[in-house]
PDB file of N, CA and C in Angstrom:
ATOM      1  N   MET A   1       0.819  -1.197   0.000  1.00  0.00           N
ATOM      2  CA  MET A   1       0.000   0.000   0.000  1.00  0.00           C
ATOM      3  C   MET A   1       0.864   1.264   0.000  1.00  0.00           C
ATOM      4  N   ALA A   2       2.058   1.183   0.558  1.00  0.00           N
ATOM      5  CA  ALA A   2       2.948   2.354   0.546  1.00  0.00           C
ATOM      6  C   ALA A   2       3.357   2.706  -0.878  1.00  0.00           C
ATOM      7  N   TRP A   3       3.561   1.686  -1.710  1.00  0.00           N
ATOM      8  CA  TRP A   3       3.922   1.961  -3.101  1.00  0.00           C
ATOM      9  C   TRP A   3       2.765   2.589  -3.862  1.00  0.00           C
ATOM     10  N   LEU A   4       1.550   2.244  -3.499  1.00  0.00           N
ATOM     11  CA  LEU A   4       0.387   2.888  -4.124  1.00  0.00           C
ATOM     12  C   LEU A   4       0.401   4.387  -3.837  1.00  0.00           C
ATOM     13  N   ARG A   5       0.625   4.719  -2.591  1.00  0.00           N
ATOM     14  CA  ARG A   5       0.652   6.128  -2.197  1.00  0.00           C
ATOM     15  C   ARG A   5       1.807   6.870  -2.876  1.00  0.00           C
ATOM     16  N   THR A   6       2.973   6.258  -2.888  1.00  0.00           N
ATOM     17  CA  THR A   6       4.134   6.887  -3.500  1.00  0.00           C
ATOM     18  C   THR A   6       3.932   7.068  -4.995  1.00  0.00           C
ATOM     19  N   SER A   7       3.420   6.058  -5.660  1.00  0.00           N
ATOM     20  CA  SER A   7       3.187   6.139  -7.104  1.00  0.00           C
ATOM     21  C   SER A   7       2.149   7.200  -7.442  1.00  0.00           C
ATOM     22  N   LEU A   8       1.072   7.234  -6.692  1.00  0.00           N
ATOM     23  CA  LEU A   8       0.046   8.244  -6.931  1.00  0.00           C
ATOM     24  C   LEU A   8       0.608   9.648  -6.725  1.00  0.00           C
ATOM     25  N   SER A   9       1.454   9.812  -5.719  1.00  0.00           N
ATOM     26  CA  SER A   9       2.076  11.118  -5.481  1.00  0.00           C
ATOM     27  C   SER A   9       2.975  11.523  -6.639  1.00  0.00           C
ATOM     28  N   LEU A  10       3.794  10.598  -7.130  1.00  0.00           N
ATOM     29  CA  LEU A  10       4.664  10.898  -8.260  1.00  0.00           C
ATOM     30  C   LEU A  10       3.861  11.255  -9.506  1.00  0.00           C
ATOM     31  N   ILE A  11       2.836  10.490  -9.786  1.00  0.00           N
ATOM     32  CA  ILE A  11       2.020  10.728 -10.977  1.00  0.00           C
ATOM     33  C   ILE A  11       1.327  12.086 -10.888  1.00  0.00           C
ATOM     34  N   SER A  12       0.684  12.364  -9.765  1.00  0.00           N
ATOM     35  CA  SER A  12      -0.064  13.620  -9.650  1.00  0.00           C
ATOM     36  C   SER A  12       0.872  14.824  -9.578  1.00  0.00           C
ATOM     37  N   PHE A  13       2.003  14.706  -8.892  1.00  0.00           N
ATOM     38  CA  PHE A  13       2.923  15.839  -8.816  1.00  0.00           C
ATOM     39  C   PHE A  13       3.588  16.095 -10.163  1.00  0.00           C
ATOM     40  N   GLY A  14       3.932  15.041 -10.890  1.00  0.00           N
ATOM     41  CA  GLY A  14       4.511  15.221 -12.225  1.00  0.00           C
ATOM     42  C   GLY A  14       3.550  15.913 -13.166  1.00  0.00           C
ATOM     43  N   PHE A  15       2.289  15.536 -13.126  1.00  0.00           N
ATOM     44  CA  PHE A  15       1.282  16.177 -13.965  1.00  0.00           C
ATOM     45  C   PHE A  15       1.111  17.639 -13.568  1.00  0.00           C
ATOM     46  N   THR A  16       1.097  17.906 -12.271  1.00  0.00           N
ATOM     47  CA  THR A  16       0.931  19.268 -11.784  1.00  0.00           C
ATOM     48  C   THR A  16       2.108  20.155 -12.184  1.00  0.00           C
ATOM     49  N   VAL A  17       3.321  19.648 -12.053  1.00  0.00           N
ATOM     50  CA  VAL A  17       4.505  20.425 -12.435  1.00  0.00           C
ATOM     51  C   VAL A  17       4.441  20.798 -13.910  1.00  0.00           C
ATOM     52  N   ALA A  18       4.158  19.828 -14.750  1.00  0.00           N
ATOM     53  CA  ALA A  18       4.117  20.089 -16.189  1.00  0.00           C
ATOM     54  C   ALA A  18       3.028  21.100 -16.536  1.00  0.00           C
ATOM     55  N   LYS A  19       1.849  20.934 -15.978  1.00  0.00           N
ATOM     56  CA  LYS A  19       0.749  21.848 -16.286  1.00  0.00           C
ATOM     57  C   LYS A  19       0.982  23.245 -15.710  1.00  0.00           C
ATOM     58  N   PHE A  20       1.601  23.335 -14.538  1.00  0.00           N
ATOM     59  CA  PHE A  20       1.872  24.635 -13.936  1.00  0.00           C
ATOM     60  C   PHE A  20       2.828  25.450 -14.801  1.00  0.00           C
ATOM     61  N   PHE A  21       3.914  24.826 -15.244  1.00  0.00           N
ATOM     62  CA  PHE A  21       4.865  25.561 -16.072  1.00  0.00           C
ATOM     63  C   PHE A  21       4.300  25.843 -17.469  1.00  0.00           C
ATOM     64  N   GLN A  22       3.427  24.980 -17.941  1.00  0.00           N
ATOM     65  CA  GLN A  22       2.741  25.262 -19.204  1.00  0.00           C
ATOM     66  C   GLN A  22       1.839  26.479 -19.039  1.00  0.00           C
ATOM     67  N   TYR A  23       1.151  26.573 -17.919  1.00  0.00           N
ATOM     68  CA  TYR A  23       0.303  27.727 -17.627  1.00  0.00           C
ATOM     69  C   TYR A  23       1.138  29.014 -17.533  1.00  0.00           C
ATOM     70  N   LEU A  24       2.279  28.939 -16.840  1.00  0.00           N
ATOM     71  CA  LEU A  24       3.148  30.112 -16.729  1.00  0.00           C
ATOM     72  C   LEU A  24       3.654  30.563 -18.093  1.00  0.00           C
ATOM     73  N   ALA A  25       4.025  29.608 -18.931  1.00  0.00           N
ATOM     74  CA  ALA A  25       4.503  29.958 -20.270  1.00  0.00           C
ATOM     75  C   ALA A  25       3.404  30.618 -21.087  1.00  0.00           C
ATOM     76  N   GLU A  26       2.170  30.151 -20.965  1.00  0.00           N
ATOM     77  CA  GLU A  26       1.055  30.764 -21.687  1.00  0.00           C
ATOM     78  C   GLU A  26       0.766  32.166 -21.175  1.00  0.00           C
ATOM     79  N   GLN A  27       0.880  32.385 -19.870  1.00  0.00           N
ATOM     80  CA  GLN A  27       0.630  33.707 -19.303  1.00  0.00           C
ATOM     81  C   GLN A  27       1.698  34.718 -19.723  1.00  0.00           C
ATOM     82  N   ARG A  28       2.934  34.277 -19.766  1.00  0.00           N
ATOM     83  CA  ARG A  28       4.039  35.164 -20.133  1.00  0.00           C
ATOM     84  C   ARG A  28       4.195  35.314 -21.646  1.00  0.00           C
ATOM     85  N   GLY A  29       3.715  34.346 -22.368  1.00  0.00           N
ATOM     86  CA  GLY A  29       3.890  34.358 -23.816  1.00  0.00           C
ATOM     87  C   GLY A  29       5.257  33.856 -24.245  1.00  0.00           C
ATOM     88  N   GLU A  30       6.028  33.312 -23.301  1.00  0.00           N
ATOM     89  CA  GLU A  30       7.352  32.768 -23.593  1.00  0.00           C
ATOM     90  C   GLU A  30       7.663  31.665 -22.599  1.00  0.00           C
ATOM     91  N   ALA A  31       8.699  30.913 -22.877  1.00  0.00           N
ATOM     92  CA  ALA A  31       9.090  29.824 -21.983  1.00  0.00           C
ATOM     93  C   ALA A  31       9.626  30.384 -20.665  1.00  0.00           C
ATOM     94  N   VAL A  32       9.471  29.622 -19.597  1.00  0.00           N
ATOM     95  CA  VAL A  32       9.962  30.024 -18.288  1.00  0.00           C
ATOM     96  C   VAL A  32      11.460  29.741 -18.234  1.00  0.00           C
ATOM     97  N   VAL A  33      12.249  30.773 -17.923  1.00  0.00           N
ATOM     98  CA  VAL A  33      13.706  30.651 -17.881  1.00  0.00           C
ATOM     99  C   VAL A  33      14.154  30.737 -16.435  1.00  0.00           C
ATOM    100  N   GLY A  34      15.042  29.817 -16.031  1.00  0.00           N
ATOM    101  CA  GLY A  34      15.532  29.769 -14.659  1.00  0.00           C
ATOM    102  C   GLY A  34      16.616  30.804 -14.385  1.00  0.00           C
ATOM    103  N   ILE A  35      17.148  30.783 -13.183  1.00  0.00           N
ATOM    104  CA  ILE A  35      18.119  31.790 -12.751  1.00  0.00           C
ATOM    105  C   ILE A  35      19.461  31.663 -13.469  1.00  0.00           C
ATOM    106  N   PHE A  36      19.760  30.523 -14.018  1.00  0.00           N
ATOM    107  CA  PHE A  36      21.015  30.335 -14.734  1.00  0.00           C
ATOM    108  C   PHE A  36      20.853  30.526 -16.240  1.00  0.00           C
ATOM    109  N   GLY A  37      19.706  31.067 -16.646  1.00  0.00           N
ATOM    110  CA  GLY A  37      19.482  31.340 -18.059  1.00  0.00           C
ATOM    111  C   GLY A  37      19.064  30.128 -18.864  1.00  0.00           C
ATOM    112  N   ARG A  38      18.660  29.078 -18.212  1.00  0.00           N
ATOM    113  CA  ARG A  38      18.253  27.866 -18.914  1.00  0.00           C
ATOM    114  C   ARG A  38      16.736  27.758 -18.924  1.00  0.00           C
ATOM    115  N   THR A  39      16.197  27.248 -20.017  1.00  0.00           N
ATOM    116  CA  THR A  39      14.760  27.014 -20.110  1.00  0.00           C
ATOM    117  C   THR A  39      14.408  25.776 -19.287  1.00  0.00           C
ATOM    118  N   TRP A  40      13.402  25.912 -18.470  1.00  0.00           N
ATOM    119  CA  TRP A  40      12.978  24.781 -17.648  1.00  0.00           C
ATOM    120  C   TRP A  40      12.348  23.716 -18.537  1.00  0.00           C
ATOM    121  N   ALA A  41      12.777  22.508 -18.385  1.00  0.00           N
ATOM    122  CA  ALA A  41      12.222  21.391 -19.146  1.00  0.00           C
ATOM    123  C   ALA A  41      11.101  20.753 -18.327  1.00  0.00           C
ATOM    124  N   SER A  42      10.065  21.531 -18.087  1.00  0.00           N
ATOM    125  CA  SER A  42       8.995  21.074 -17.202  1.00  0.00           C
ATOM    126  C   SER A  42       8.252  19.877 -17.766  1.00  0.00           C
ATOM    127  N   ASP A  43       8.064  19.850 -19.073  1.00  0.00           N
ATOM    128  CA  ASP A  43       7.388  18.691 -19.668  1.00  0.00           C
ATOM    129  C   ASP A  43       8.204  17.419 -19.447  1.00  0.00           C
ATOM    130  N   THR A  44       9.502  17.534 -19.608  1.00  0.00           N
ATOM    131  CA  THR A  44      10.375  16.374 -19.411  1.00  0.00           C
ATOM    132  C   THR A  44      10.356  15.925 -17.957  1.00  0.00           C
ATOM    133  N   VAL A  45      10.427  16.869 -17.036  1.00  0.00           N
ATOM    134  CA  VAL A  45      10.389  16.530 -15.614  1.00  0.00           C
ATOM    135  C   VAL A  45       9.043  15.895 -15.264  1.00  0.00           C
ATOM    136  N   GLY A  46       7.960  16.484 -15.724  1.00  0.00           N
ATOM    137  CA  GLY A  46       6.638  15.946 -15.438  1.00  0.00           C
ATOM    138  C   GLY A  46       6.434  14.557 -16.024  1.00  0.00           C
ATOM    139  N   LEU A  47       6.820  14.375 -17.282  1.00  0.00           N
ATOM    140  CA  LEU A  47       6.683  13.059 -17.915  1.00  0.00           C
ATOM    141  C   LEU A  47       7.550  12.019 -17.217  1.00  0.00           C
ATOM    142  N   THR A  48       8.749  12.419 -16.805  1.00  0.00           N
ATOM    143  CA  THR A  48       9.635  11.484 -16.108  1.00  0.00           C
ATOM    144  C   THR A  48       9.050  11.069 -14.767  1.00  0.00           C
ATOM    145  N   MET A  49       8.503  12.023 -14.033  1.00  0.00           N
ATOM    146  CA  MET A  49       7.892  11.680 -12.746  1.00  0.00           C
ATOM    147  C   MET A  49       6.688  10.762 -12.917  1.00  0.00           C
ATOM    148  N   ILE A  50       5.882  11.026 -13.934  1.00  0.00           N
ATOM    149  CA  ILE A  50       4.726  10.161 -14.201  1.00  0.00           C
ATOM    150  C   ILE A  50       5.190   8.758 -14.591  1.00  0.00           C
ATOM    151  N   ALA A  51       6.204   8.677 -15.448  1.00  0.00           N
ATOM    152  CA  ALA A  51       6.712   7.364 -15.876  1.00  0.00           C
ATOM    153  C   ALA A  51       7.288   6.599 -14.692  1.00  0.00           C
ATOM    154  N   ILE A  52       8.072   7.265 -13.849  1.00  0.00           N
ATOM    155  CA  ILE A  52       8.645   6.594 -12.677  1.00  0.00           C
ATOM    156  C   ILE A  52       7.534   6.095 -11.757  1.00  0.00           C
ATOM    157  N   GLY A  53       6.529   6.925 -11.512  1.00  0.00           N
ATOM    158  CA  GLY A  53       5.423   6.511 -10.657  1.00  0.00           C
ATOM    159  C   GLY A  53       4.652   5.335 -11.213  1.00  0.00           C
ATOM    160  N   THR A  54       4.402   5.344 -12.513  1.00  0.00           N
ATOM    161  CA  THR A  54       3.649   4.253 -13.135  1.00  0.00           C
ATOM    162  C   THR A  54       4.455   2.959 -13.132  1.00  0.00           C
ATOM    163  N   PHE A  55       5.729   3.034 -13.513  1.00  0.00           N
ATOM    164  CA  PHE A  55       6.559   1.825 -13.520  1.00  0.00           C
ATOM    165  C   PHE A  55       6.792   1.293 -12.112  1.00  0.00           C
ATOM    166  N   ALA A  56       6.974   2.177 -11.135  1.00  0.00           N
ATOM    167  CA  ALA A  56       7.138   1.724  -9.756  1.00  0.00           C
ATOM    168  C   ALA A  56       5.891   0.990  -9.287  1.00  0.00           C
ATOM    169  N   LEU A  57       4.738   1.485  -9.665  1.00  0.00           N
ATOM    170  CA  LEU A  57       3.489   0.830  -9.292  1.00  0.00           C
ATOM    171  C   LEU A  57       3.378  -0.547  -9.947  1.00  0.00           C
ATOM    172  N   LEU A  58       3.711  -0.628 -11.226  1.00  0.00           N
ATOM    173  CA  LEU A  58       3.627  -1.916 -11.912  1.00  0.00           C
ATOM    174  C   LEU A  58       4.610  -2.936 -11.325  1.00  0.00           C
ATOM    175  N   PHE A  59       5.827  -2.484 -11.012  1.00  0.00           N
ATOM    176  CA  PHE A  59       6.801  -3.393 -10.403  1.00  0.00           C
ATOM    177  C   PHE A  59       6.372  -3.800  -8.992  1.00  0.00           C
ATOM    178  N   ALA A  60       5.747  -2.890  -8.259  1.00  0.00           N
ATOM    179  CA  ALA A  60       5.250  -3.217  -6.926  1.00  0.00           C
ATOM    180  C   ALA A  60       4.134  -4.257  -6.997  1.00  0.00           C
ATOM    181  N   VAL A  61       3.283  -4.161  -8.018  1.00  0.00           N
ATOM    182  CA  VAL A  61       2.212  -5.149  -8.188  1.00  0.00           C
ATOM    183  C   VAL A  61       2.810  -6.529  -8.473  1.00  0.00           C
ATOM    184  N   VAL A  62       3.819  -6.567  -9.335  1.00  0.00           N
ATOM    185  CA  VAL A  62       4.475  -7.850  -9.641  1.00  0.00           C
ATOM    186  C   VAL A  62       5.099  -8.430  -8.374  1.00  0.00           C
ATOM    187  N   GLN A  63       5.801  -7.602  -7.613  1.00  0.00           N
ATOM    188  CA  GLN A  63       6.417  -8.062  -6.370  1.00  0.00           C
ATOM    189  C   GLN A  63       5.360  -8.549  -5.382  1.00  0.00           C
ATOM    190  N   HIS A  64       4.269  -7.819  -5.272  1.00  0.00           N
ATOM    191  CA  HIS A  64       3.193  -8.204  -4.367  1.00  0.00           C
ATOM    192  C   HIS A  64       2.601  -9.561  -4.756  1.00  0.00           C
ATOM    193  N   ARG A  65       2.353  -9.734  -6.046  1.00  0.00           N
ATOM    194  CA  ARG A  65       1.787 -11.009  -6.516  1.00  0.00           C
ATOM    195  C   ARG A  65       2.720 -12.178  -6.190  1.00  0.00           C
ATOM    196  N   ARG A  66       4.021 -11.964  -6.381  1.00  0.00           N
ATOM    197  CA  ARG A  66       4.985 -13.033  -6.072  1.00  0.00           C
ATOM    198  C   ARG A  66       4.975 -13.386  -4.592  1.00  0.00           C
ATOM    199  N   ARG A  67       4.864 -12.383  -3.760  1.00  0.00           N
ATOM    200  CA  ARG A  67       4.847 -12.647  -2.316  1.00  0.00           C
ATOM    201  C   ARG A  67       3.550 -13.326  -1.880  1.00  0.00           C
ATOM    202  N   VAL A  68       2.434 -12.937  -2.491  1.00  0.00           N
ATOM    203  CA  VAL A  68       1.165 -13.598  -2.169  1.00  0.00           C
ATOM    204  C   VAL A  68       1.214 -15.062  -2.603  1.00  0.00           C
ATOM    205  N   ILE A  69       1.771 -15.323  -3.772  1.00  0.00           N
ATOM    206  CA  ILE A  69       1.900 -16.716  -4.244  1.00  0.00           C
ATOM    207  C   ILE A  69       2.786 -17.515  -3.298  1.00  0.00           C
ATOM    208  N   ALA A  70       3.879 -16.920  -2.828  1.00  0.00           N
ATOM    209  CA  ALA A  70       4.764 -17.613  -1.890  1.00  0.00           C
ATOM    210  C   ALA A  70       4.056 -17.893  -0.567  1.00  0.00           C
ATOM    211  N   LEU A  71       3.254 -16.947  -0.103  1.00  0.00           N
ATOM    212  CA  LEU A  71       2.512 -17.157   1.138  1.00  0.00           C
ATOM    213  C   LEU A  71       1.436 -18.232   0.973  1.00  0.00           C
ATOM    214  N   ARG A  72       0.801 -18.261  -0.187  1.00  0.00           N
ATOM    215  CA  ARG A  72      -0.209 -19.307  -0.428  1.00  0.00           C
ATOM    216  C   ARG A  72       0.426 -20.681  -0.468  1.00  0.00           C
ATOM    217  N   ALA A  73       1.660 -20.749  -0.964  1.00  0.00           N
ATOM    218  CA  ALA A  73       2.361 -22.031  -0.987  1.00  0.00           C
ATOM    219  C   ALA A  73       2.650 -22.521   0.427  1.00  0.00           C
ATOM    220  N   ARG A  74       2.689 -21.594   1.376  1.00  0.00           N
ATOM    221  CA  ARG A  74       2.935 -21.957   2.779  1.00  0.00           C
ATOM    222  C   ARG A  74       1.650 -22.099   3.579  1.00  0.00           C
ATOM    223  N   GLY A  75       0.501 -22.026   2.914  1.00  0.00           N
ATOM    224  CA  GLY A  75      -0.749 -22.307   3.596  1.00  0.00           C
ATOM    225  C   GLY A  75      -1.669 -21.131   3.838  1.00  0.00           C
ATOM    226  N   LEU A  76      -1.331 -19.948   3.362  1.00  0.00           N
ATOM    227  CA  LEU A  76      -2.229 -18.794   3.529  1.00  0.00           C
ATOM    228  C   LEU A  76      -3.469 -19.015   2.679  1.00  0.00           C
ATOM    229  N   GLU A  77      -4.626 -18.833   3.282  1.00  0.00           N
ATOM    230  CA  GLU A  77      -5.850 -19.010   2.510  1.00  0.00           C
ATOM    231  C   GLU A  77      -6.061 -17.817   1.581  1.00  0.00           C
ATOM    232  N   GLN A  78      -6.725 -18.057   0.467  1.00  0.00           N
ATOM    233  CA  GLN A  78      -6.949 -17.025  -0.532  1.00  0.00           C
ATOM    234  C   GLN A  78      -7.926 -15.988   0.004  1.00  0.00           C
ATOM    235  N   GLN A  79      -7.562 -14.707  -0.196  1.00  0.00           N
ATOM    236  CA  GLN A  79      -8.383 -13.602   0.272  1.00  0.00           C
ATOM    237  C   GLN A  79      -8.576 -12.610  -0.853  1.00  0.00           C
ATOM    238  N   TRP A  80      -9.583 -11.763  -0.694  1.00  0.00           N
ATOM    239  CA  TRP A  80      -9.820 -10.681  -1.645  1.00  0.00           C
ATOM    240  C   TRP A  80      -8.689  -9.685  -1.499  1.00  0.00           C
ATOM    241  N   ASN A  81      -8.103  -9.206  -2.607  1.00  0.00           N
ATOM    242  CA  ASN A  81      -6.894  -8.400  -2.562  1.00  0.00           C
ATOM    243  C   ASN A  81      -7.199  -6.958  -2.957  1.00  0.00           C
ATOM    244  N   LEU A  82      -7.348  -6.099  -1.981  1.00  0.00           N
ATOM    245  CA  LEU A  82      -7.675  -4.704  -2.210  1.00  0.00           C
ATOM    246  C   LEU A  82      -6.546  -3.978  -2.934  1.00  0.00           C
ATOM    247  N   ALA A  83      -5.306  -4.301  -2.612  1.00  0.00           N
ATOM    248  CA  ALA A  83      -4.164  -3.593  -3.206  1.00  0.00           C
ATOM    249  C   ALA A  83      -4.171  -3.687  -4.727  1.00  0.00           C
ATOM    250  N   LEU A  84      -4.483  -4.837  -5.257  1.00  0.00           N
ATOM    251  CA  LEU A  84      -4.497  -4.993  -6.711  1.00  0.00           C
ATOM    252  C   LEU A  84      -5.662  -4.237  -7.347  1.00  0.00           C
ATOM    253  N   TRP A  85      -6.798  -4.186  -6.659  1.00  0.00           N
ATOM    254  CA  TRP A  85      -7.951  -3.470  -7.203  1.00  0.00           C
ATOM    255  C   TRP A  85      -7.745  -1.957  -7.176  1.00  0.00           C
ATOM    256  N   VAL A  86      -6.943  -1.472  -6.254  1.00  0.00           N
ATOM    257  CA  VAL A  86      -6.636  -0.042  -6.203  1.00  0.00           C
ATOM    258  C   VAL A  86      -5.510   0.291  -7.176  1.00  0.00           C
ATOM    259  N   ALA A  87      -4.559  -0.620  -7.330  1.00  0.00           N
ATOM    260  CA  ALA A  87      -3.395  -0.379  -8.192  1.00  0.00           C
ATOM    261  C   ALA A  87      -3.789  -0.258  -9.663  1.00  0.00           C
ATOM    262  N   ALA A  88      -4.756  -1.017 -10.105  1.00  0.00           N
ATOM    263  CA  ALA A  88      -5.134  -1.003 -11.524  1.00  0.00           C
ATOM    264  C   ALA A  88      -5.630   0.373 -11.985  1.00  0.00           C
ATOM    265  N   PRO A  89      -6.577   1.015 -11.290  1.00  0.00           N
ATOM    266  CA  PRO A  89      -6.994   2.339 -11.757  1.00  0.00           C
ATOM    267  C   PRO A  89      -5.900   3.394 -11.628  1.00  0.00           C
ATOM    268  N   ILE A  90      -5.040   3.264 -10.623  1.00  0.00           N
ATOM    269  CA  ILE A  90      -3.947   4.227 -10.487  1.00  0.00           C
ATOM    270  C   ILE A  90      -2.952   4.067 -11.632  1.00  0.00           C
ATOM    271  N   ALA A  91      -2.680   2.832 -12.029  1.00  0.00           N
ATOM    272  CA  ALA A  91      -1.795   2.609 -13.179  1.00  0.00           C
ATOM    273  C   ALA A  91      -2.416   3.191 -14.450  1.00  0.00           C
ATOM    274  N   LEU A  92      -3.704   3.010 -14.631  1.00  0.00           N
ATOM    275  CA  LEU A  92      -4.389   3.611 -15.782  1.00  0.00           C
ATOM    276  C   LEU A  92      -4.339   5.133 -15.729  1.00  0.00           C
ATOM    277  N   LEU A  93      -4.490   5.685 -14.541  1.00  0.00           N
ATOM    278  CA  LEU A  93      -4.373   7.130 -14.370  1.00  0.00           C
ATOM    279  C   LEU A  93      -2.991   7.604 -14.805  1.00  0.00           C
ATOM    280  N   GLY A  94      -1.960   6.866 -14.425  1.00  0.00           N
ATOM    281  CA  GLY A  94      -0.605   7.228 -14.829  1.00  0.00           C
ATOM    282  C   GLY A  94      -0.415   7.174 -16.332  1.00  0.00           C
ATOM    283  N   VAL A  95      -0.941   6.152 -16.952  1.00  0.00           N
ATOM    284  CA  VAL A  95      -0.825   6.032 -18.413  1.00  0.00           C
ATOM    285  C   VAL A  95      -1.573   7.162 -19.105  1.00  0.00           C
ATOM    286  N   PHE A  96      -2.788   7.459 -18.645  1.00  0.00           N
ATOM    287  CA  PHE A  96      -3.562   8.548 -19.249  1.00  0.00           C
ATOM    288  C   PHE A  96      -2.891   9.901 -19.059  1.00  0.00           C
ATOM    289  N   ALA A  97      -2.334  10.150 -17.874  1.00  0.00           N
ATOM    290  CA  ALA A  97      -1.642  11.419 -17.620  1.00  0.00           C
ATOM    291  C   ALA A  97      -0.417  11.543 -18.516  1.00  0.00           C
ATOM    292  N   PHE A  98       0.329  10.450 -18.664  1.00  0.00           N
ATOM    293  CA  PHE A  98       1.520  10.461 -19.509  1.00  0.00           C
ATOM    294  C   PHE A  98       1.148  10.742 -20.960  1.00  0.00           C
ATOM    295  N   VAL A  99       0.158  10.040 -21.464  1.00  0.00           N
ATOM    296  CA  VAL A  99      -0.266  10.213 -22.864  1.00  0.00           C
ATOM    297  C   VAL A  99      -0.818  11.621 -23.073  1.00  0.00           C
ATOM    298  N   SER A 100      -1.575  12.127 -22.112  1.00  0.00           N
ATOM    299  CA  SER A 100      -2.125  13.468 -22.216  1.00  0.00           C
ATOM    300  C   SER A 100      -1.037  14.517 -22.343  1.00  0.00           C
ATOM    301  N   LEU A 101      -0.021  14.433 -21.496  1.00  0.00           N
ATOM    302  CA  LEU A 101       1.077  15.392 -21.568  1.00  0.00           C
ATOM    303  C   LEU A 101       1.919  15.188 -22.808  1.00  0.00           C
ATOM    304  N   PHE A 102       2.131  13.944 -23.176  1.00  0.00           N
ATOM    305  CA  PHE A 102       2.974  13.652 -24.356  1.00  0.00           C
ATOM    306  C   PHE A 102       2.339  14.176 -25.638  1.00  0.00           C
ATOM    307  N   LEU A 103       1.022  14.001 -25.777  1.00  0.00           N
ATOM    308  CA  LEU A 103       0.344  14.465 -26.985  1.00  0.00           C
ATOM    309  C   LEU A 103       0.149  15.975 -26.987  1.00  0.00           C
ATOM    310  N   ASP A 104       0.114  16.569 -25.794  1.00  0.00           N
ATOM    311  CA  ASP A 104      -0.086  18.017 -25.680  1.00  0.00           C
ATOM    312  C   ASP A 104       1.201  18.792 -25.967  1.00  0.00           C
ATOM    313  N   ALA A 105       2.345  18.136 -25.799  1.00  0.00           N
ATOM    314  CA  ALA A 105       3.638  18.832 -25.971  1.00  0.00           C
ATOM    315  C   ALA A 105       3.946  19.185 -27.387  1.00  0.00           C
TER     316      ALA A 105
END
């Protein structure tokens, strides 16, 4: 469940960063330039954060499934798995956010 929270935070913060700097660029009519004279690569940072969050979530699901299978081999009875049901929509959210920003750029 901790990976769900972390992944959701990465996905939502990455989307927010990208959209915030896009909004600033639209308001100014030019790209946002940092203190060292470099253009902020907000889309790249946002897309990277979304990708990291989505992949971390997918890898966490794989790890979770392996551990549940190992526990079942030792006699744990089968139970309804809330973590997997929550992880699926969050992973879809990450994919949609990534595609939305990628196509908008």
